[in-house]
C-alpha atoms as a PDB file:
ATOM      1  CA  UNK A   1       5.204   8.449  20.025  1.00  0.00           C
ATOM      2  CA  UNK A   2       3.191   8.736  16.822  1.00  0.00           C
ATOM      3  CA  UNK A   3       0.927  11.732  16.296  1.00  0.00           C
ATOM      4  CA  UNK A   4      -2.561  11.092  14.925  1.00  0.00           C
ATOM      5  CA  UNK A   5      -3.347  13.775  12.356  1.00  0.00           C
ATOM      6  CA  UNK A   6      -6.725  14.760  10.939  1.00  0.00           C
ATOM      7  CA  UNK A   7      -6.830  14.497   7.114  1.00  0.00           C
ATOM      8  CA  UNK A   8      -6.617  18.242   6.464  1.00  0.00           C
ATOM      9  CA  UNK A   9      -4.915  19.475   3.327  1.00  0.00           C
ATOM     10  CA  UNK A  10      -2.045  20.800   5.404  1.00  0.00           C
ATOM     11  CA  UNK A  11      -1.544  17.490   7.199  1.00  0.00           C
ATOM     12  CA  UNK A  12      -1.762  15.458   3.977  1.00  0.00           C
ATOM     13  CA  UNK A  13       0.862  17.757   2.424  1.00  0.00           C
ATOM     14  CA  UNK A  14       3.037  17.363   5.530  1.00  0.00           C
ATOM     15  CA  UNK A  15       2.889  13.586   5.367  1.00  0.00           C
ATOM     16  CA  UNK A  16       3.415  13.596   1.588  1.00  0.00           C
ATOM     17  CA  UNK A  17       6.632  15.643   2.040  1.00  0.00           C
ATOM     18  CA  UNK A  18       7.823  13.199   4.671  1.00  0.00           C
ATOM     19  CA  UNK A  19       7.135  10.210   2.432  1.00  0.00           C
ATOM     20  CA  UNK A  20       8.885  11.861  -0.512  1.00  0.00           C
ATOM     21  CA  UNK A  21      11.962  12.292   1.771  1.00  0.00           C
ATOM     22  CA  UNK A  22      11.933   8.571   2.632  1.00  0.00           C
ATOM     23  CA  UNK A  23       9.713   8.639   5.683  1.00  0.00           C
ATOM     24  CA  UNK A  24       6.865   6.333   6.764  1.00  0.00           C
ATOM     25  CA  UNK A  25       3.319   7.055   7.832  1.00  0.00           C
ATOM     26  CA  UNK A  26       0.294   4.963   8.720  1.00  0.00           C
ATOM     27  CA  UNK A  27      -2.544   5.746   6.338  1.00  0.00           C
ATOM     28  CA  UNK A  28      -6.162   4.724   5.940  1.00  0.00           C
ATOM     29  CA  UNK A  29      -7.574   2.553   3.167  1.00  0.00           C
ATOM     30  CA  UNK A  30     -11.022   1.049   2.818  1.00  0.00           C
ATOM     31  CA  UNK A  31      -9.647  -2.337   3.863  1.00  0.00           C
ATOM     32  CA  UNK A  32      -7.212  -1.769   6.740  1.00  0.00           C
ATOM     33  CA  UNK A  33      -4.669   0.915   7.731  1.00  0.00           C
ATOM     34  CA  UNK A  34      -1.396   0.628   5.833  1.00  0.00           C
ATOM     35  CA  UNK A  35       2.184   1.561   6.634  1.00  0.00           C
ATOM     36  CA  UNK A  36       3.132   3.701   3.640  1.00  0.00           C
ATOM     37  CA  UNK A  37       6.437   4.549   1.993  1.00  0.00           C
ATOM     38  CA  UNK A  38       7.514   5.667  -1.478  1.00  0.00           C
ATOM     39  CA  UNK A  39       7.348   2.376  -3.430  1.00  0.00           C
ATOM     40  CA  UNK A  40      10.209   3.509  -5.684  1.00  0.00           C
ATOM     41  CA  UNK A  41      12.579   4.216  -2.755  1.00  0.00           C
ATOM     42  CA  UNK A  42      14.329   0.986  -1.719  1.00  0.00           C
ATOM     43  CA  UNK A  43      15.589   2.374   1.618  1.00  0.00           C
ATOM     44  CA  UNK A  44      12.134   3.600   2.583  1.00  0.00           C
ATOM     45  CA  UNK A  45      10.628   0.236   1.699  1.00  0.00           C
ATOM     46  CA  UNK A  46      13.286  -1.555   3.746  1.00  0.00           C
ATOM     47  CA  UNK A  47      12.146   0.585   6.668  1.00  0.00           C
ATOM     48  CA  UNK A  48       8.640  -0.886   6.380  1.00  0.00           C
ATOM     49  CA  UNK A  49      10.060  -4.378   6.914  1.00  0.00           C
ATOM     50  CA  UNK A  50      12.111  -3.190   9.929  1.00  0.00           C
ATOM     51  CA  UNK A  51       9.246  -1.342  11.621  1.00  0.00           C
ATOM     52  CA  UNK A  52       6.801  -4.205  11.153  1.00  0.00           C
ATOM     53  CA  UNK A  53       9.314  -7.004  11.887  1.00  0.00           C
ATOM     54  CA  UNK A  54       8.250  -8.376   8.504  1.00  0.00           C
ATOM     55  CA  UNK A  55      10.413 -10.982   6.738  1.00  0.00           C
ATOM     56  CA  UNK A  56      12.128  -9.681   3.595  1.00  0.00           C
ATOM     57  CA  UNK A  57      10.648 -12.711   1.790  1.00  0.00           C
ATOM     58  CA  UNK A  58       7.084 -11.325   2.141  1.00  0.00           C
ATOM     59  CA  UNK A  59       6.407  -8.888  -0.731  1.00  0.00           C
ATOM     60  CA  UNK A  60       4.664  -5.529  -0.242  1.00  0.00           C
ATOM     61  CA  UNK A  61       1.449  -4.323  -1.872  1.00  0.00           C
ATOM     62  CA  UNK A  62       1.813  -1.157  -3.903  1.00  0.00           C
ATOM     63  CA  UNK A  63      -1.014   1.410  -4.030  1.00  0.00           C
ATOM     64  CA  UNK A  64      -1.571   3.549  -7.112  1.00  0.00           C
ATOM     65  CA  UNK A  65      -3.943   6.356  -8.110  1.00  0.00           C
ATOM     66  CA  UNK A  66      -4.146   5.992 -11.908  1.00  0.00           C
ATOM     67  CA  UNK A  67      -3.821   3.438 -14.665  1.00  0.00           C
ATOM     68  CA  UNK A  68      -0.860   5.459 -15.931  1.00  0.00           C
ATOM     69  CA  UNK A  69       0.936   4.735 -12.679  1.00  0.00           C
ATOM     70  CA  UNK A  70       0.081   1.069 -13.028  1.00  0.00           C
ATOM     71  CA  UNK A  71       1.623   0.947 -16.525  1.00  0.00           C
ATOM     72  CA  UNK A  72       4.752   2.684 -15.193  1.00  0.00           C
ATOM     73  CA  UNK A  73       5.455  -0.083 -12.661  1.00  0.00           C
ATOM     74  CA  UNK A  74       3.994  -3.290 -14.165  1.00  0.00           C
ATOM     75  CA  UNK A  75       3.242  -5.101 -17.374  1.00  0.00           C
ATOM     76  CA  UNK A  76      -0.524  -4.869 -17.760  1.00  0.00           C
ATOM     77  CA  UNK A  77      -2.300  -7.683 -19.667  1.00  0.00           C
ATOM     78  CA  UNK A  78      -5.799  -7.203 -21.050  1.00  0.00           C
ATOM     79  CA  UNK A  79      -7.323  -9.214 -18.215  1.00  0.00           C
ATOM     80  CA  UNK A  80      -5.869  -6.770 -15.694  1.00  0.00           C
ATOM     81  CA  UNK A  81      -7.445  -3.853 -17.528  1.00  0.00           C
ATOM     82  CA  UNK A  82     -10.855  -5.607 -17.463  1.00  0.00           C
ATOM     83  CA  UNK A  83     -10.640  -6.341 -13.724  1.00  0.00           C
ATOM     84  CA  UNK A  84      -9.413  -2.817 -12.993  1.00  0.00           C
ATOM     85  CA  UNK A  85     -12.328  -1.253 -14.880  1.00  0.00           C
ATOM     86  CA  UNK A  86     -14.781  -3.382 -12.915  1.00  0.00           C
ATOM     87  CA  UNK A  87     -13.313  -3.366  -9.425  1.00  0.00           C
ATOM     88  CA  UNK A  88     -10.993  -0.330  -9.100  1.00  0.00           C
ATOM     89  CA  UNK A  89     -10.806   1.742  -7.101  1.00  0.00           C
ATOM     90  CA  UNK A  90     -11.517  -0.882  -4.496  1.00  0.00           C
ATOM     91  CA  UNK A  91     -10.242  -3.880  -2.478  1.00  0.00           C
ATOM     92  CA  UNK A  92      -8.760  -5.918  -5.316  1.00  0.00           C
ATOM     93  CA  UNK A  93      -4.999  -6.494  -5.598  1.00  0.00           C
ATOM     94  CA  UNK A  94      -3.511  -7.739  -8.891  1.00  0.00           C
ATOM     95  CA  UNK A  95      -0.219  -9.579  -9.093  1.00  0.00           C
ATOM     96  CA  UNK A  96       1.547  -8.591 -12.317  1.00  0.00           C
ATOM     97  CA  UNK A  97       5.049  -8.773 -13.791  1.00  0.00           C
ATOM     98  CA  UNK A  98       6.990  -5.862 -12.389  1.00  0.00           C
ATOM     99  CA  UNK A  99       9.024  -3.343 -14.330  1.00  0.00           C
ATOM    100  CA  UNK A 100      12.652  -2.634 -13.406  1.00  0.00           C
ATOM    101  CA  UNK A 101      11.695   0.799 -11.892  1.00  0.00           C
ATOM    102  CA  UNK A 102      10.262  -1.093  -8.891  1.00  0.00           C
ATOM    103  CA  UNK A 103      13.001  -1.961  -6.335  1.00  0.00           C
ATOM    104  CA  UNK A 104      13.572  -5.652  -5.799  1.00  0.00           C
ATOM    105  CA  UNK A 105      12.913  -5.288  -2.029  1.00  0.00           C
ATOM    106  CA  UNK A 106       9.232  -4.422  -2.756  1.00  0.00           C
ATOM    107  CA  UNK A 107       8.774  -7.727  -4.578  1.00  0.00           C
ATOM    108  CA  UNK A 108      10.912  -9.774  -2.130  1.00  0.00           C
ATOM    109  CA  UNK A 109      13.362 -10.140  -5.000  1.00  0.00           C
ATOM    110  CA  UNK A 110      10.772 -11.776  -7.296  1.00  0.00           C
ATOM    111  CA  UNK A 111       9.628 -10.880 -10.802  1.00  0.00           C
ATOM    112  CA  UNK A 112       6.096  -9.790  -9.859  1.00  0.00           C
ATOM    113  CA  UNK A 113       4.461  -6.913  -8.023  1.00  0.00           C
ATOM    114  CA  UNK A 114       1.157  -6.781  -6.116  1.00  0.00           C
ATOM    115  CA  UNK A 115      -0.798  -3.604  -6.969  1.00  0.00           C
ATOM    116  CA  UNK A 116      -4.114  -2.098  -6.060  1.00  0.00           C
ATOM    117  CA  UNK A 117      -5.953   1.167  -6.528  1.00  0.00           C
ATOM    118  CA  UNK A 118      -7.564   2.098  -3.149  1.00  0.00           C
ATOM    119  CA  UNK A 119     -10.979   3.739  -2.939  1.00  0.00           C
ATOM    120  CA  UNK A 120     -10.504   5.554   0.388  1.00  0.00           C
ATOM    121  CA  UNK A 121     -10.706   9.301  -0.331  1.00  0.00           C
ATOM    122  CA  UNK A 122      -7.973  10.220   2.153  1.00  0.00           C
ATOM    123  CA  UNK A 123      -5.587   7.684   0.706  1.00  0.00           C
ATOM    124  CA  UNK A 124      -6.365   8.870  -2.803  1.00  0.00           C
ATOM    125  CA  UNK A 125      -5.627  12.471  -1.732  1.00  0.00           C
ATOM    126  CA  UNK A 126      -2.288  11.339  -0.250  1.00  0.00           C
ATOM    127  CA  UNK A 127      -1.395   9.469  -3.451  1.00  0.00           C
ATOM    128  CA  UNK A 128      -2.078  12.642  -5.421  1.00  0.00           C
ATOM    129  CA  UNK A 129      -0.012  14.733  -3.001  1.00  0.00           C
ATOM    130  CA  UNK A 130       2.987  12.391  -3.033  1.00  0.00           C
ATOM    131  CA  UNK A 131       2.893  11.902  -6.769  1.00  0.00           C
ATOM    132  CA  UNK A 132       4.349   8.387  -6.450  1.00  0.00           C
ATOM    133  CA  UNK A 133       3.048   4.845  -5.878  1.00  0.00           C
ATOM    134  CA  UNK A 134       3.033   3.894  -2.235  1.00  0.00           C
ATOM    135  CA  UNK A 135       4.013   0.584  -0.748  1.00  0.00           C
ATOM    136  CA  UNK A 136       1.572   0.092   2.133  1.00  0.00           C
ATOM    137  CA  UNK A 137       1.148  -3.291   3.806  1.00  0.00           C
ATOM    138  CA  UNK A 138      -1.022  -3.379   6.919  1.00  0.00           C
ATOM    139  CA  UNK A 139       0.198  -0.987   9.707  1.00  0.00           C
ATOM    140  CA  UNK A 140       0.797  -3.625  12.369  1.00  0.00           C
ATOM    141  CA  UNK A 141       3.567  -5.768  13.750  1.00  0.00           C
ATOM    142  CA  UNK A 142       4.010  -8.805  11.529  1.00  0.00           C
ATOM    143  CA  UNK A 143       1.578 -11.596  12.384  1.00  0.00           C
ATOM    144  CA  UNK A 144      -0.710  -9.374  14.431  1.00  0.00           C
ATOM    145  CA  UNK A 145      -4.297  -8.419  13.658  1.00  0.00           C
ATOM    146  CA  UNK A 146      -4.553  -5.737  10.946  1.00  0.00           C
ATOM    147  CA  UNK A 147      -5.657  -2.338  12.283  1.00  0.00           C
ATOM    148  CA  UNK A 148      -8.941  -0.762  11.191  1.00  0.00           C
ATOM    149  CA  UNK A 149      -8.683   2.530  13.139  1.00  0.00           C
ATOM    150  CA  UNK A 150      -5.982   5.092  13.836  1.00  0.00           C
ATOM    151  CA  UNK A 151      -6.164   4.117  17.525  1.00  0.00           C
ATOM    152  CA  UNK A 152      -5.356   0.468  16.642  1.00  0.00           C
ATOM    153  CA  UNK A 153      -2.275   1.631  14.747  1.00  0.00           C
ATOM    154  CA  UNK A 154      -1.132   3.789  17.649  1.00  0.00           C
ATOM    155  CA  UNK A 155      -1.557   0.897  20.084  1.00  0.00           C
ATOM    156  CA  UNK A 156       0.533  -1.403  17.900  1.00  0.00           C
ATOM    157  CA  UNK A 157       3.151   0.825  16.176  1.00  0.00           C
ATOM    158  CA  UNK A 158       2.884   4.099  18.076  1.00  0.00           C
ATOM    159  CA  UNK A 159       6.466   3.981  19.378  1.00  0.00           C
ATOM    160  CA  UNK A 160       7.900   3.040  15.961  1.00  0.00           C
ATOM    161  CA  UNK A 161       6.491   5.671  13.600  1.00  0.00           C
ATOM    162  CA  UNK A 162       5.946   9.434  13.622  1.00  0.00           C
ATOM    163  CA  UNK A 163       2.619   9.927  11.790  1.00  0.00           C
ATOM    164  CA  UNK A 164      -0.793   8.324  11.600  1.00  0.00           C
ATOM    165  CA  UNK A 165      -3.241   9.889   9.164  1.00  0.00           C
ATOM    166  CA  UNK A 166      -6.714   9.420  10.609  1.00  0.00           C
ATOM    167  CA  UNK A 167      -9.290   8.515   7.974  1.00  0.00           C
ATOM    168  CA  UNK A 168     -11.832   7.082  10.415  1.00  0.00           C
ATOM    169  CA  UNK A 169     -12.751   3.389  10.735  1.00  0.00           C
ATOM    170  CA  UNK A 170     -12.093   1.257   7.655  1.00  0.00           C
ATOM    171  CA  UNK A 171     -15.252   0.456   5.673  1.00  0.00           C
ATOM    172  CA  UNK A 172     -14.256  -3.061   4.632  1.00  0.00           C
ATOM    173  CA  UNK A 173     -12.145  -4.105   7.622  1.00  0.00           C
ATOM    174  CA  UNK A 174     -10.363  -7.089   5.959  1.00  0.00           C
ATOM    175  CA  UNK A 175      -7.506  -7.265   3.527  1.00  0.00           C
ATOM    176  CA  UNK A 176      -8.027  -7.074  -0.201  1.00  0.00           C
ATOM    177  CA  UNK A 177      -8.624 -10.006  -2.509  1.00  0.00           C
ATOM    178  CA  UNK A 178      -5.435 -10.896  -4.368  1.00  0.00           C
ATOM    179  CA  UNK A 179      -5.604 -12.263  -7.950  1.00  0.00           C
ATOM    180  CA  UNK A 180      -2.387 -13.465  -9.681  1.00  0.00           C
ATOM    181  CA  UNK A 181      -2.382 -12.550 -13.361  1.00  0.00           C
ATOM    182  CA  UNK A 182       1.398 -12.883 -13.830  1.00  0.00           C
ATOM    183  CA  UNK A 183       1.250 -16.224 -15.576  1.00  0.00           C
ATOM    184  CA  UNK A 184      -1.139 -16.356 -18.562  1.00  0.00           C
ATOM    185  CA  UNK A 185      -1.526 -20.086 -18.268  1.00  0.00           C
ATOM    186  CA  UNK A 186      -2.287 -20.072 -14.557  1.00  0.00           C
ATOM    187  CA  UNK A 187      -4.587 -17.320 -13.312  1.00  0.00           C
ATOM    188  CA  UNK A 188      -5.506 -17.790  -9.663  1.00  0.00           C
ATOM    189  CA  UNK A 189      -6.884 -16.212  -6.502  1.00  0.00           C
ATOM    190  CA  UNK A 190      -4.155 -16.098  -3.872  1.00  0.00           C
ATOM    191  CA  UNK A 191      -6.241 -14.550  -1.107  1.00  0.00           C
ATOM    192  CA  UNK A 192      -9.995 -14.031  -0.834  1.00  0.00           C
ATOM    193  CA  UNK A 193     -10.789 -10.671   0.722  1.00  0.00           C
END
């Protein structure tokens, strides 16, 4: 059964070590709780799909801490920089052309990657501690309501994961807005948040 951990420095370091070794943990963001893994580790990302019961055709959202991380995993057009300056950190996800460093499983085999820079202070501390982008779709069974508290995660995935990092109730409570900037001729909103 999953353990709910307070966001102390020691616990964040413990979860960061686990993630760097290929483990999973449920983590808070300002939108909903996510199920996090090292986004550059294909086996760890495959575990997300297994735990959630998520189809491999449904790409993951990658969370980053800095613009440098963004440039390491995606091609970044000028429009993305403008939106990032205005809305990041925050609940905006950008779909961009992915770089080869990102495993195909993260993008469901496609040429693009969905990326956002979360504002939640606990998630930002975890990103710093892991030192890697984190794939983190909602921490729920596929098709179920997205969790907004650590208790919701435990009720849904408690027998499938080891750690839940408790960052309190999510401020926003709904998934992020997704904007596709991967095709210069066809910019579009894929999901309002």
